[in-house]
């Protein structure tokens, strides 16, 4: 069973949030708390992330089954990036458990860019000798701006370990950047919410999206990239809240 963090809210359809690769429930704490003003919110640590158990696979079917296991009544589901793909598979395989679906900046397609770079960077940190997060950050090397600080949220300084199962994430990277062959459709309300400056959801992806999610609507947040919820949290919150209460 996945580790979960609950935020109490008024009696309404609960919202489940699934984070992206290298993330955790704690990344979503501020947004979850704000969204809980109108509904209960449940945020998970995905398998091989945060305080959730480590398993020897990171397939989307497995991640979707994990999410299904923590849903004890129909919920609205929000997933970002890897979590968005897991949420899509959940909706396609367990439609009875998903009331409305929000997919944040990802499409049900295979991407060409690997996320092996951050894994290599984390593996290169000499965990035995670091004395501070600043030490670890210095050893992470050249990564995109903001990425080192994001990765360091998954460093347990006390235990001198990453809370990410780097070996399995590396071994299953093709599955993570891919999307499984899957049949069926999810025809309930679905929002594909993207960053206007991100290229993760392209016009050519729409036919595939509409095949699987015929009720899909599309929206973009101006000035936001792939990390739209972190870059434009108020706008992201407003868009999600508007969709879920429409």
C-alpha atoms as a PDB file:
ATOM      1  CA  UNK A   1       0.000   0.000   0.000  1.00  0.00           C
ATOM      2  CA  UNK A   2       1.320   3.425  -0.951  1.00  0.00           C
ATOM      3  CA  UNK A   3       2.208   6.020   1.646  1.00  0.00           C
ATOM      4  CA  UNK A   4      -0.491   8.705   1.653  1.00  0.00           C
ATOM      5  CA  UNK A   5      -0.946  12.170   3.127  1.00  0.00           C
ATOM      6  CA  UNK A   6      -4.514  13.293   3.837  1.00  0.00           C
ATOM      7  CA  UNK A   7      -5.935  16.816   3.976  1.00  0.00           C
ATOM      8  CA  UNK A   8      -9.408  17.061   5.483  1.00  0.00           C
ATOM      9  CA  UNK A   9     -11.963  19.158   3.660  1.00  0.00           C
ATOM     10  CA  UNK A  10     -15.710  19.715   3.306  1.00  0.00           C
ATOM     11  CA  UNK A  11     -17.876  16.738   2.387  1.00  0.00           C
ATOM     12  CA  UNK A  12     -17.453  16.478  -1.380  1.00  0.00           C
ATOM     13  CA  UNK A  13     -15.876  14.134  -3.914  1.00  0.00           C
ATOM     14  CA  UNK A  14     -12.312  13.553  -2.664  1.00  0.00           C
ATOM     15  CA  UNK A  15      -9.337  14.423  -4.856  1.00  0.00           C
ATOM     16  CA  UNK A  16      -6.388  12.050  -5.286  1.00  0.00           C
ATOM     17  CA  UNK A  17      -3.067  13.559  -6.435  1.00  0.00           C
ATOM     18  CA  UNK A  18      -0.279  11.524  -8.080  1.00  0.00           C
ATOM     19  CA  UNK A  19       3.123  13.232  -8.442  1.00  0.00           C
ATOM     20  CA  UNK A  20       5.643  12.899 -11.257  1.00  0.00           C
ATOM     21  CA  UNK A  21       9.032  11.197 -11.569  1.00  0.00           C
ATOM     22  CA  UNK A  22      11.465  11.978  -8.705  1.00  0.00           C
ATOM     23  CA  UNK A  23       8.652  13.735  -6.822  1.00  0.00           C
ATOM     24  CA  UNK A  24       6.755  12.978  -3.627  1.00  0.00           C
ATOM     25  CA  UNK A  25       3.562  13.837  -1.800  1.00  0.00           C
ATOM     26  CA  UNK A  26       5.367  16.600   0.106  1.00  0.00           C
ATOM     27  CA  UNK A  27       5.992  18.499  -3.168  1.00  0.00           C
ATOM     28  CA  UNK A  28       2.218  18.981  -3.385  1.00  0.00           C
ATOM     29  CA  UNK A  29       1.607  19.987   0.229  1.00  0.00           C
ATOM     30  CA  UNK A  30       0.781  23.673  -0.306  1.00  0.00           C
ATOM     31  CA  UNK A  31      -1.484  23.031  -3.304  1.00  0.00           C
ATOM     32  CA  UNK A  32      -3.189  20.085  -1.616  1.00  0.00           C
ATOM     33  CA  UNK A  33      -3.933  22.199   1.434  1.00  0.00           C
ATOM     34  CA  UNK A  34      -5.456  24.954  -0.684  1.00  0.00           C
ATOM     35  CA  UNK A  35      -7.527  22.512  -2.757  1.00  0.00           C
ATOM     36  CA  UNK A  36      -8.776  20.923   0.494  1.00  0.00           C
ATOM     37  CA  UNK A  37     -10.761  24.099   1.199  1.00  0.00           C
ATOM     38  CA  UNK A  38     -13.530  22.589  -0.930  1.00  0.00           C
ATOM     39  CA  UNK A  39     -12.961  18.809  -0.668  1.00  0.00           C
ATOM     40  CA  UNK A  40     -10.862  16.160   1.065  1.00  0.00           C
ATOM     41  CA  UNK A  41      -7.496  15.671  -0.677  1.00  0.00           C
ATOM     42  CA  UNK A  42      -5.336  12.549  -0.639  1.00  0.00           C
ATOM     43  CA  UNK A  43      -1.747  12.771  -1.948  1.00  0.00           C
ATOM     44  CA  UNK A  44       0.314   9.638  -2.528  1.00  0.00           C
ATOM     45  CA  UNK A  45       3.978   8.793  -2.702  1.00  0.00           C
ATOM     46  CA  UNK A  46       4.212   6.689  -5.855  1.00  0.00           C
ATOM     47  CA  UNK A  47       5.996   3.319  -5.643  1.00  0.00           C
ATOM     48  CA  UNK A  48       9.786   3.633  -5.367  1.00  0.00           C
ATOM     49  CA  UNK A  49       9.370   7.273  -4.249  1.00  0.00           C
ATOM     50  CA  UNK A  50       9.114   9.040  -0.905  1.00  0.00           C
ATOM     51  CA  UNK A  51       7.970   6.849   1.982  1.00  0.00           C
ATOM     52  CA  UNK A  52       6.209   4.275  -0.207  1.00  0.00           C
ATOM     53  CA  UNK A  53       7.519   0.715  -0.546  1.00  0.00           C
ATOM     54  CA  UNK A  54      10.161  -0.194  -3.100  1.00  0.00           C
ATOM     55  CA  UNK A  55       9.177  -2.693  -5.799  1.00  0.00           C
ATOM     56  CA  UNK A  56      11.130  -4.181  -8.681  1.00  0.00           C
ATOM     57  CA  UNK A  57       9.017  -2.579 -11.431  1.00  0.00           C
ATOM     58  CA  UNK A  58       7.811   0.903 -12.370  1.00  0.00           C
ATOM     59  CA  UNK A  59       5.255  -0.009 -15.045  1.00  0.00           C
ATOM     60  CA  UNK A  60       2.119   2.076 -15.520  1.00  0.00           C
ATOM     61  CA  UNK A  61      -0.135  -0.927 -15.009  1.00  0.00           C
ATOM     62  CA  UNK A  62       1.500  -1.457 -11.611  1.00  0.00           C
ATOM     63  CA  UNK A  63       1.315   2.228 -10.708  1.00  0.00           C
ATOM     64  CA  UNK A  64      -2.363   2.334 -11.721  1.00  0.00           C
ATOM     65  CA  UNK A  65      -3.099  -0.729  -9.592  1.00  0.00           C
ATOM     66  CA  UNK A  66      -1.333   0.971  -6.661  1.00  0.00           C
ATOM     67  CA  UNK A  67      -3.616   3.991  -7.039  1.00  0.00           C
ATOM     68  CA  UNK A  68      -6.702   1.787  -7.333  1.00  0.00           C
ATOM     69  CA  UNK A  69      -5.739   0.145  -4.045  1.00  0.00           C
ATOM     70  CA  UNK A  70      -5.880   3.416  -2.101  1.00  0.00           C
ATOM     71  CA  UNK A  71      -9.226   4.517  -3.607  1.00  0.00           C
ATOM     72  CA  UNK A  72     -12.071   3.323  -1.398  1.00  0.00           C
ATOM     73  CA  UNK A  73     -14.773   5.415  -3.097  1.00  0.00           C
ATOM     74  CA  UNK A  74     -15.004   7.200  -6.480  1.00  0.00           C
ATOM     75  CA  UNK A  75     -12.557  10.105  -6.497  1.00  0.00           C
ATOM     76  CA  UNK A  76     -11.468  12.907  -8.748  1.00  0.00           C
ATOM     77  CA  UNK A  77      -7.893  12.175  -9.819  1.00  0.00           C
ATOM     78  CA  UNK A  78      -5.087  14.610 -10.698  1.00  0.00           C
ATOM     79  CA  UNK A  79      -1.760  13.368 -12.003  1.00  0.00           C
ATOM     80  CA  UNK A  80       1.316  15.253 -13.198  1.00  0.00           C
ATOM     81  CA  UNK A  81       3.788  13.849 -15.741  1.00  0.00           C
ATOM     82  CA  UNK A  82       4.527  10.224 -14.711  1.00  0.00           C
ATOM     83  CA  UNK A  83       1.646  10.500 -12.255  1.00  0.00           C
ATOM     84  CA  UNK A  84      -0.533  11.756 -15.096  1.00  0.00           C
ATOM     85  CA  UNK A  85       0.218   8.670 -17.163  1.00  0.00           C
ATOM     86  CA  UNK A  86      -0.509   6.457 -14.150  1.00  0.00           C
ATOM     87  CA  UNK A  87      -3.786   8.337 -13.627  1.00  0.00           C
ATOM     88  CA  UNK A  88      -4.722   7.809 -17.289  1.00  0.00           C
ATOM     89  CA  UNK A  89      -4.144   4.054 -17.026  1.00  0.00           C
ATOM     90  CA  UNK A  90      -6.098   4.024 -13.759  1.00  0.00           C
ATOM     91  CA  UNK A  91      -9.053   5.742 -15.462  1.00  0.00           C
ATOM     92  CA  UNK A  92      -8.924   3.384 -18.446  1.00  0.00           C
ATOM     93  CA  UNK A  93      -8.699   0.249 -16.288  1.00  0.00           C
ATOM     94  CA  UNK A  94     -10.757   1.277 -13.253  1.00  0.00           C
ATOM     95  CA  UNK A  95     -13.235   3.821 -14.628  1.00  0.00           C
ATOM     96  CA  UNK A  96     -15.622   3.158 -11.731  1.00  0.00           C
ATOM     97  CA  UNK A  97     -13.045   4.583  -9.307  1.00  0.00           C
ATOM     98  CA  UNK A  98     -12.434   7.848 -11.202  1.00  0.00           C
ATOM     99  CA  UNK A  99     -15.102  10.553 -11.186  1.00  0.00           C
ATOM    100  CA  UNK A 100     -13.180  13.245 -13.079  1.00  0.00           C
ATOM    101  CA  UNK A 101      -9.634  13.212 -14.407  1.00  0.00           C
ATOM    102  CA  UNK A 102      -7.051  16.002 -14.606  1.00  0.00           C
ATOM    103  CA  UNK A 103      -3.856  15.226 -16.533  1.00  0.00           C
ATOM    104  CA  UNK A 104      -1.131  17.815 -15.966  1.00  0.00           C
ATOM    105  CA  UNK A 105       1.312  18.372 -18.836  1.00  0.00           C
ATOM    106  CA  UNK A 106       1.638  14.875 -20.271  1.00  0.00           C
ATOM    107  CA  UNK A 107       0.083  12.865 -23.114  1.00  0.00           C
ATOM    108  CA  UNK A 108      -0.536   9.115 -23.545  1.00  0.00           C
ATOM    109  CA  UNK A 109       2.430   8.762 -25.889  1.00  0.00           C
ATOM    110  CA  UNK A 110       6.078   7.680 -25.838  1.00  0.00           C
ATOM    111  CA  UNK A 111       8.610  10.474 -25.395  1.00  0.00           C
ATOM    112  CA  UNK A 112      12.153  10.549 -26.764  1.00  0.00           C
ATOM    113  CA  UNK A 113      13.835  12.292 -23.839  1.00  0.00           C
ATOM    114  CA  UNK A 114      15.212  10.044 -21.111  1.00  0.00           C
ATOM    115  CA  UNK A 115      15.424  11.157 -17.484  1.00  0.00           C
ATOM    116  CA  UNK A 116      18.622   9.172 -16.944  1.00  0.00           C
ATOM    117  CA  UNK A 117      20.674  12.338 -16.366  1.00  0.00           C
ATOM    118  CA  UNK A 118      19.260  13.130 -12.926  1.00  0.00           C
ATOM    119  CA  UNK A 119      19.643   9.473 -11.907  1.00  0.00           C
ATOM    120  CA  UNK A 120      23.310   9.533 -12.905  1.00  0.00           C
ATOM    121  CA  UNK A 121      23.752  12.795 -10.977  1.00  0.00           C
ATOM    122  CA  UNK A 122      22.180  11.380  -7.816  1.00  0.00           C
ATOM    123  CA  UNK A 123      24.255   8.210  -8.059  1.00  0.00           C
ATOM    124  CA  UNK A 124      27.411  10.338  -8.288  1.00  0.00           C
ATOM    125  CA  UNK A 125      26.822  11.999  -4.899  1.00  0.00           C
ATOM    126  CA  UNK A 126      29.168  10.547  -2.259  1.00  0.00           C
ATOM    127  CA  UNK A 127      26.496   9.996   0.368  1.00  0.00           C
ATOM    128  CA  UNK A 128      28.978   8.715   2.960  1.00  0.00           C
ATOM    129  CA  UNK A 129      30.938  11.954   3.036  1.00  0.00           C
ATOM    130  CA  UNK A 130      28.362  14.740   2.655  1.00  0.00           C
ATOM    131  CA  UNK A 131      27.685  16.877   5.717  1.00  0.00           C
ATOM    132  CA  UNK A 132      24.934  19.117   4.320  1.00  0.00           C
ATOM    133  CA  UNK A 133      22.472  19.503   1.479  1.00  0.00           C
ATOM    134  CA  UNK A 134      24.794  22.143   0.067  1.00  0.00           C
ATOM    135  CA  UNK A 135      27.498  19.468  -0.181  1.00  0.00           C
ATOM    136  CA  UNK A 136      25.114  17.193  -2.029  1.00  0.00           C
ATOM    137  CA  UNK A 137      23.951  20.002  -4.323  1.00  0.00           C
ATOM    138  CA  UNK A 138      27.544  20.793  -5.261  1.00  0.00           C
ATOM    139  CA  UNK A 139      28.071  17.164  -6.235  1.00  0.00           C
ATOM    140  CA  UNK A 140      24.938  16.954  -8.403  1.00  0.00           C
ATOM    141  CA  UNK A 141      26.780  18.730 -11.200  1.00  0.00           C
ATOM    142  CA  UNK A 142      25.255  20.490 -14.174  1.00  0.00           C
ATOM    143  CA  UNK A 143      21.508  20.008 -14.295  1.00  0.00           C
ATOM    144  CA  UNK A 144      18.732  22.280 -15.514  1.00  0.00           C
ATOM    145  CA  UNK A 145      17.960  25.233 -13.207  1.00  0.00           C
ATOM    146  CA  UNK A 146      15.773  24.188 -10.291  1.00  0.00           C
ATOM    147  CA  UNK A 147      16.351  20.455 -10.778  1.00  0.00           C
ATOM    148  CA  UNK A 148      19.035  20.049  -8.060  1.00  0.00           C
ATOM    149  CA  UNK A 149      16.815  21.649  -5.399  1.00  0.00           C
ATOM    150  CA  UNK A 150      13.900  19.471  -6.527  1.00  0.00           C
ATOM    151  CA  UNK A 151      15.989  16.287  -6.341  1.00  0.00           C
ATOM    152  CA  UNK A 152      17.353  17.220  -2.921  1.00  0.00           C
ATOM    153  CA  UNK A 153      13.819  17.013  -1.523  1.00  0.00           C
ATOM    154  CA  UNK A 154      14.271  13.237  -1.899  1.00  0.00           C
ATOM    155  CA  UNK A 155      17.547  13.124   0.048  1.00  0.00           C
ATOM    156  CA  UNK A 156      17.259  11.754   3.586  1.00  0.00           C
ATOM    157  CA  UNK A 157      20.266  13.438   5.195  1.00  0.00           C
ATOM    158  CA  UNK A 158      19.871  11.587   8.479  1.00  0.00           C
ATOM    159  CA  UNK A 159      19.979   8.164   6.818  1.00  0.00           C
ATOM    160  CA  UNK A 160      22.381   9.300   4.058  1.00  0.00           C
ATOM    161  CA  UNK A 161      20.163   7.824   1.353  1.00  0.00           C
ATOM    162  CA  UNK A 162      17.929   8.808  -1.514  1.00  0.00           C
ATOM    163  CA  UNK A 163      14.266   7.982  -0.939  1.00  0.00           C
ATOM    164  CA  UNK A 164      14.087   7.081  -4.643  1.00  0.00           C
ATOM    165  CA  UNK A 165      14.745   3.535  -5.875  1.00  0.00           C
ATOM    166  CA  UNK A 166      17.252   4.713  -8.467  1.00  0.00           C
ATOM    167  CA  UNK A 167      18.102   1.204  -9.716  1.00  0.00           C
ATOM    168  CA  UNK A 168      14.509   0.357 -10.645  1.00  0.00           C
ATOM    169  CA  UNK A 169      13.779   3.826 -12.041  1.00  0.00           C
ATOM    170  CA  UNK A 170      16.836   3.469 -14.292  1.00  0.00           C
ATOM    171  CA  UNK A 171      15.978  -0.101 -15.322  1.00  0.00           C
ATOM    172  CA  UNK A 172      12.386   0.839 -16.206  1.00  0.00           C
ATOM    173  CA  UNK A 173      13.120   4.250 -17.773  1.00  0.00           C
ATOM    174  CA  UNK A 174      11.822   3.036 -21.160  1.00  0.00           C
ATOM    175  CA  UNK A 175       8.492   2.193 -19.521  1.00  0.00           C
ATOM    176  CA  UNK A 176       8.372   5.533 -17.703  1.00  0.00           C
ATOM    177  CA  UNK A 177       8.909   7.637 -20.830  1.00  0.00           C
ATOM    178  CA  UNK A 178       6.636   5.295 -22.794  1.00  0.00           C
ATOM    179  CA  UNK A 179       2.950   4.513 -22.551  1.00  0.00           C
ATOM    180  CA  UNK A 180       1.519   0.979 -22.478  1.00  0.00           C
ATOM    181  CA  UNK A 181      -0.585  -0.585 -25.202  1.00  0.00           C
ATOM    182  CA  UNK A 182      -4.055  -0.275 -23.744  1.00  0.00           C
ATOM    183  CA  UNK A 183      -7.596  -0.666 -25.045  1.00  0.00           C
ATOM    184  CA  UNK A 184     -10.852   0.895 -23.964  1.00  0.00           C
ATOM    185  CA  UNK A 185     -11.921   4.449 -23.325  1.00  0.00           C
ATOM    186  CA  UNK A 186     -12.650   6.714 -20.393  1.00  0.00           C
ATOM    187  CA  UNK A 187     -15.537   8.949 -21.372  1.00  0.00           C
ATOM    188  CA  UNK A 188     -16.097  10.922 -18.168  1.00  0.00           C
ATOM    189  CA  UNK A 189     -14.981  14.559 -17.835  1.00  0.00           C
ATOM    190  CA  UNK A 190     -11.244  14.887 -18.473  1.00  0.00           C
ATOM    191  CA  UNK A 191      -8.996  17.959 -18.533  1.00  0.00           C
ATOM    192  CA  UNK A 192      -5.550  18.016 -20.127  1.00  0.00           C
ATOM    193  CA  UNK A 193      -3.965  21.017 -18.429  1.00  0.00           C
ATOM    194  CA  UNK A 194      -0.616  22.069 -19.882  1.00  0.00           C
ATOM    195  CA  UNK A 195       2.002  24.744 -19.494  1.00  0.00           C
ATOM    196  CA  UNK A 196       1.861  27.117 -22.468  1.00  0.00           C
ATOM    197  CA  UNK A 197       5.676  27.054 -22.696  1.00  0.00           C
ATOM    198  CA  UNK A 198       5.898  23.254 -22.485  1.00  0.00           C
ATOM    199  CA  UNK A 199       6.078  20.948 -25.503  1.00  0.00           C
ATOM    200  CA  UNK A 200       4.906  17.808 -23.706  1.00  0.00           C
ATOM    201  CA  UNK A 201       1.349  17.983 -25.095  1.00  0.00           C
ATOM    202  CA  UNK A 202       1.456  18.766 -28.802  1.00  0.00           C
ATOM    203  CA  UNK A 203      -1.376  19.241 -31.316  1.00  0.00           C
ATOM    204  CA  UNK A 204      -0.397  15.942 -32.972  1.00  0.00           C
ATOM    205  CA  UNK A 205      -1.098  14.133 -29.680  1.00  0.00           C
ATOM    206  CA  UNK A 206      -4.751  15.151 -29.665  1.00  0.00           C
ATOM    207  CA  UNK A 207      -6.097  12.347 -31.890  1.00  0.00           C
ATOM    208  CA  UNK A 208      -4.603   9.723 -29.560  1.00  0.00           C
ATOM    209  CA  UNK A 209      -5.908  11.593 -26.522  1.00  0.00           C
ATOM    210  CA  UNK A 210      -9.408  11.847 -28.009  1.00  0.00           C
ATOM    211  CA  UNK A 211      -9.377   8.145 -28.913  1.00  0.00           C
ATOM    212  CA  UNK A 212      -8.812   7.162 -25.292  1.00  0.00           C
ATOM    213  CA  UNK A 213     -10.545  10.125 -23.636  1.00  0.00           C
ATOM    214  CA  UNK A 214     -13.384  11.245 -25.923  1.00  0.00           C
ATOM    215  CA  UNK A 215     -14.627  13.889 -23.464  1.00  0.00           C
ATOM    216  CA  UNK A 216     -11.191  15.483 -23.098  1.00  0.00           C
ATOM    217  CA  UNK A 217     -10.925  19.244 -22.872  1.00  0.00           C
ATOM    218  CA  UNK A 218      -7.660  21.155 -23.205  1.00  0.00           C
ATOM    219  CA  UNK A 219      -6.355  24.219 -21.378  1.00  0.00           C
ATOM    220  CA  UNK A 220      -2.994  25.961 -21.043  1.00  0.00           C
ATOM    221  CA  UNK A 221      -1.525  28.080 -18.273  1.00  0.00           C
ATOM    222  CA  UNK A 222       0.285  31.111 -19.725  1.00  0.00           C
ATOM    223  CA  UNK A 223       3.921  31.521 -18.752  1.00  0.00           C
ATOM    224  CA  UNK A 224       4.225  27.991 -17.359  1.00  0.00           C
ATOM    225  CA  UNK A 225       6.438  25.131 -18.498  1.00  0.00           C
ATOM    226  CA  UNK A 226       6.328  21.443 -17.591  1.00  0.00           C
ATOM    227  CA  UNK A 227       6.385  22.198 -13.836  1.00  0.00           C
ATOM    228  CA  UNK A 228       3.206  24.249 -14.196  1.00  0.00           C
ATOM    229  CA  UNK A 229       1.934  23.573 -10.663  1.00  0.00           C
ATOM    230  CA  UNK A 230       5.195  24.862  -9.144  1.00  0.00           C
ATOM    231  CA  UNK A 231       5.701  27.757 -11.565  1.00  0.00           C
ATOM    232  CA  UNK A 232       2.117  29.080 -11.516  1.00  0.00           C
ATOM    233  CA  UNK A 233       0.510  27.536  -8.402  1.00  0.00           C
ATOM    234  CA  UNK A 234      -2.385  29.992  -8.066  1.00  0.00           C
ATOM    235  CA  UNK A 235      -3.342  29.718 -11.731  1.00  0.00           C
ATOM    236  CA  UNK A 236      -2.980  25.932 -11.586  1.00  0.00           C
ATOM    237  CA  UNK A 237      -5.149  25.710  -8.485  1.00  0.00           C
ATOM    238  CA  UNK A 238      -7.810  27.941 -10.034  1.00  0.00           C
ATOM    239  CA  UNK A 239      -7.933  25.883 -13.251  1.00  0.00           C
ATOM    240  CA  UNK A 240      -8.219  22.584 -11.379  1.00  0.00           C
ATOM    241  CA  UNK A 241     -10.837  23.922  -8.963  1.00  0.00           C
ATOM    242  CA  UNK A 242     -12.915  25.384 -11.801  1.00  0.00           C
ATOM    243  CA  UNK A 243     -12.901  22.081 -13.690  1.00  0.00           C
ATOM    244  CA  UNK A 244     -13.753  19.950 -10.677  1.00  0.00           C
ATOM    245  CA  UNK A 245     -16.661  22.167  -9.601  1.00  0.00           C
ATOM    246  CA  UNK A 246     -18.069  22.859 -13.078  1.00  0.00           C
END
